[in-house]
Amino acid sequence: MAGGSVTPSGKGGRKPLDASINLVPFIDLLSCCISFLLITAVWVNLSQVPVNQDRESVSRETEPSTPAVRLTLNISADEYVLSRSTGESTRLATRKGELDYEGLAAVMRQLKRELPDEEGITVRSADGVLYDHLIRTIDVLRSERFSAVHVTDSGSSG
């Protein structure tokens, strides 16, 4: 019986208190929810981009020794600007209407030769930059052995 209908018994026309409840729809819904959660759990781990945001409230004594040169890569829709804390900067304009990933790789390779122990760089992205361009930029940086990539927006300090 697929429902909650009950038939009157012979005792004074009273309805019995026992009712059957169909559990099949509940089990179907539960199995769909469990499979959905298991499938999306894999996507969460695959789509993570590690982002470290610097906080000014952290005391300087607890931080490890800071590098002598801090590197910052600013990304806008039409150029890269690589700047150092020493005041030097390098501009890479677009090539054929797209950001110059090969030029960025060459500049980062040269920078790695100059600063072989440096692994950290801060990437500041403007609002108009597509997510795909940001991810491809991070891939270029990691391929050139800059493993500590910090991502902020262009309005953040740090």
Protein backbone atom coordinates (compact mmCIF):
# COMPACT_ATOMS: atom_id res chain seq x y z
CA MET A 1 0.00 0.00 0.00
CA ALA A 2 1.57 3.34 -1.03
CA GLY A 3 0.10 5.85 1.32
CA GLY A 4 -1.34 6.43 4.72
CA SER A 5 -4.91 5.21 4.20
CA VAL A 6 -6.36 3.02 6.85
CA THR A 7 -9.46 0.87 6.85
CA PRO A 8 -11.88 0.86 9.73
CA SER A 9 -11.84 -2.20 11.91
CA GLY A 10 -14.86 -4.06 13.18
CA LYS A 11 -14.71 -2.67 16.73
CA GLY A 12 -17.22 0.12 16.94
CA GLY A 13 -16.17 1.77 13.69
CA ARG A 14 -12.92 3.14 15.14
CA LYS A 15 -9.87 3.52 12.96
CA PRO A 16 -6.75 1.64 13.99
CA LEU A 17 -3.73 3.64 15.13
CA ASP A 18 -1.30 1.79 12.86
CA ALA A 19 -0.53 3.52 9.56
CA SER A 20 1.95 2.56 6.88
CA ILE A 21 4.33 5.25 5.61
CA ASN A 22 6.07 4.84 2.29
CA LEU A 23 9.82 5.33 2.92
CA VAL A 24 10.98 4.87 -0.69
CA PRO A 25 10.88 8.60 -1.61
CA PHE A 26 12.78 9.48 1.56
CA ILE A 27 15.48 6.89 0.83
CA ASP A 28 15.75 8.15 -2.79
CA LEU A 29 16.23 11.73 -1.64
CA LEU A 30 18.78 10.70 0.99
CA SER A 31 20.83 8.67 -1.51
CA CYS A 32 20.83 11.60 -3.97
CA CYS A 33 22.04 13.99 -1.27
CA ILE A 34 24.81 11.64 -0.16
CA SER A 35 26.06 11.07 -3.71
CA PHE A 36 25.97 14.83 -4.40
CA LEU A 37 28.03 15.54 -1.28
CA LEU A 38 30.59 12.84 -2.12
CA ILE A 39 31.03 14.13 -5.68
CA THR A 40 31.40 17.79 -4.69
CA ALA A 41 33.89 16.97 -1.92
CA VAL A 42 36.44 16.11 -4.62
CA TRP A 43 35.85 19.43 -6.40
CA VAL A 44 36.50 21.39 -3.22
CA ASN A 45 39.97 19.90 -2.89
CA LEU A 46 40.83 20.31 -6.58
CA SER A 47 39.76 23.93 -6.93
CA GLN A 48 41.60 25.48 -4.01
CA VAL A 49 43.96 28.39 -4.53
CA PRO A 50 46.06 29.05 -1.43
CA VAL A 51 45.69 32.70 -0.46
CA ASN A 52 47.51 34.28 2.45
CA GLN A 53 46.35 37.71 3.46
CA ASP A 54 48.77 39.78 5.49
CA ARG A 55 47.32 41.35 8.60
CA GLU A 56 48.84 44.45 10.16
CA SER A 57 47.73 43.32 13.61
CA VAL A 58 50.26 40.46 13.66
CA SER A 59 53.26 41.42 15.72
CA ARG A 60 56.63 41.54 13.99
CA GLU A 61 58.32 39.34 16.65
CA THR A 62 56.21 36.30 15.75
CA GLU A 63 56.93 36.52 12.02
CA PRO A 64 59.93 34.73 10.56
CA SER A 65 62.80 36.79 9.22
CA THR A 66 61.58 38.93 6.34
CA PRO A 67 63.41 38.74 3.03
CA ALA A 68 65.66 41.59 1.99
CA VAL A 69 63.70 42.16 -1.22
CA ARG A 70 59.92 41.96 -1.43
CA LEU A 71 58.47 41.26 -4.87
CA THR A 72 55.08 42.47 -6.06
CA LEU A 73 53.44 41.66 -9.38
CA ASN A 74 50.54 43.96 -10.30
CA ILE A 75 48.17 42.60 -12.93
CA SER A 76 45.81 44.82 -14.87
CA ALA A 77 43.80 44.00 -17.98
CA ASP A 78 46.56 45.33 -20.26
CA GLU A 79 49.92 44.87 -18.49
CA TYR A 80 52.08 43.33 -15.79
CA VAL A 81 54.14 45.53 -13.49
CA LEU A 82 56.80 43.72 -11.47
CA SER A 83 58.17 45.87 -8.67
CA ARG A 84 60.73 45.27 -5.94
CA SER A 85 60.90 46.81 -2.52
CA THR A 86 64.18 48.41 -3.63
CA GLY A 87 62.25 50.67 -6.05
CA GLU A 88 62.98 48.92 -9.35
CA SER A 89 60.05 48.02 -11.59
CA THR A 90 59.54 46.23 -14.89
CA ARG A 91 56.54 46.65 -17.19
CA LEU A 92 55.27 43.97 -19.56
CA ALA A 93 52.57 45.18 -21.94
CA THR A 94 50.14 42.90 -23.75
CA ARG A 95 51.16 41.06 -26.90
CA LYS A 96 48.52 40.50 -29.57
CA GLY A 97 45.80 41.61 -27.17
CA GLU A 98 46.71 39.13 -24.43
CA LEU A 99 48.94 39.25 -21.37
CA ASP A 100 52.55 38.28 -22.13
CA TYR A 101 52.98 34.99 -20.25
CA GLU A 102 56.20 34.08 -22.09
CA GLY A 103 57.70 37.48 -21.28
CA LEU A 104 56.66 37.10 -17.66
CA ALA A 105 58.32 33.68 -17.51
CA ALA A 106 61.55 35.14 -18.95
CA VAL A 107 61.56 38.03 -16.45
CA MET A 108 60.86 35.69 -13.54
CA ARG A 109 63.59 33.29 -14.71
CA GLN A 110 66.09 36.19 -14.77
CA LEU A 111 64.88 37.35 -11.35
CA LYS A 112 65.34 33.84 -9.97
CA ARG A 113 68.95 33.89 -11.19
CA GLU A 114 69.50 37.19 -9.36
CA LEU A 115 67.69 36.09 -6.19
CA PRO A 116 68.00 32.29 -6.00
CA ASP A 117 66.73 32.01 -2.41
CA GLU A 118 63.62 34.12 -2.96
CA GLU A 119 60.42 32.07 -3.14
CA GLY A 120 57.76 34.59 -2.17
CA ILE A 121 55.89 37.05 -4.36
CA THR A 122 52.71 39.05 -3.87
CA VAL A 123 50.29 39.18 -6.79
CA ARG A 124 47.91 42.13 -6.85
CA SER A 125 45.04 41.79 -9.26
CA ALA A 126 42.89 44.65 -10.54
CA ASP A 127 39.12 44.28 -10.72
CA GLY A 128 39.02 43.90 -14.52
CA VAL A 129 41.36 40.90 -14.64
CA LEU A 130 39.74 37.63 -15.66
CA TYR A 131 40.09 34.68 -13.30
CA ASP A 132 41.69 32.61 -16.07
CA HIS A 133 44.45 35.23 -16.49
CA LEU A 134 45.11 35.24 -12.74
CA ILE A 135 45.39 31.44 -12.59
CA ARG A 136 47.65 31.30 -15.65
CA THR A 137 49.87 33.96 -14.04
CA ILE A 138 50.12 31.93 -10.84
CA ASP A 139 51.00 28.86 -12.93
CA VAL A 140 53.83 30.80 -14.60
CA LEU A 141 55.15 31.96 -11.22
CA ARG A 142 55.09 28.46 -9.78
CA SER A 143 56.77 27.00 -12.85
CA GLU A 144 59.62 29.47 -12.31
CA ARG A 145 60.05 28.18 -8.71
CA PHE A 146 58.21 30.91 -6.80
CA SER A 147 56.32 28.64 -4.43
CA ALA A 148 54.99 31.20 -1.93
CA VAL A 149 52.52 33.17 -4.02
CA HIS A 150 50.27 35.55 -2.06
CA VAL A 151 47.20 36.89 -3.89
CA THR A 152 45.51 40.17 -2.98
CA ASP A 153 43.40 42.69 -4.79
CA SER A 154 44.92 45.93 -6.02
CA GLY A 155 43.36 47.93 -3.19
CA SER A 156 44.93 45.86 -0.39
CA SER A 157 48.11 46.78 1.36
CA GLY A 158 50.62 44.07 2.03
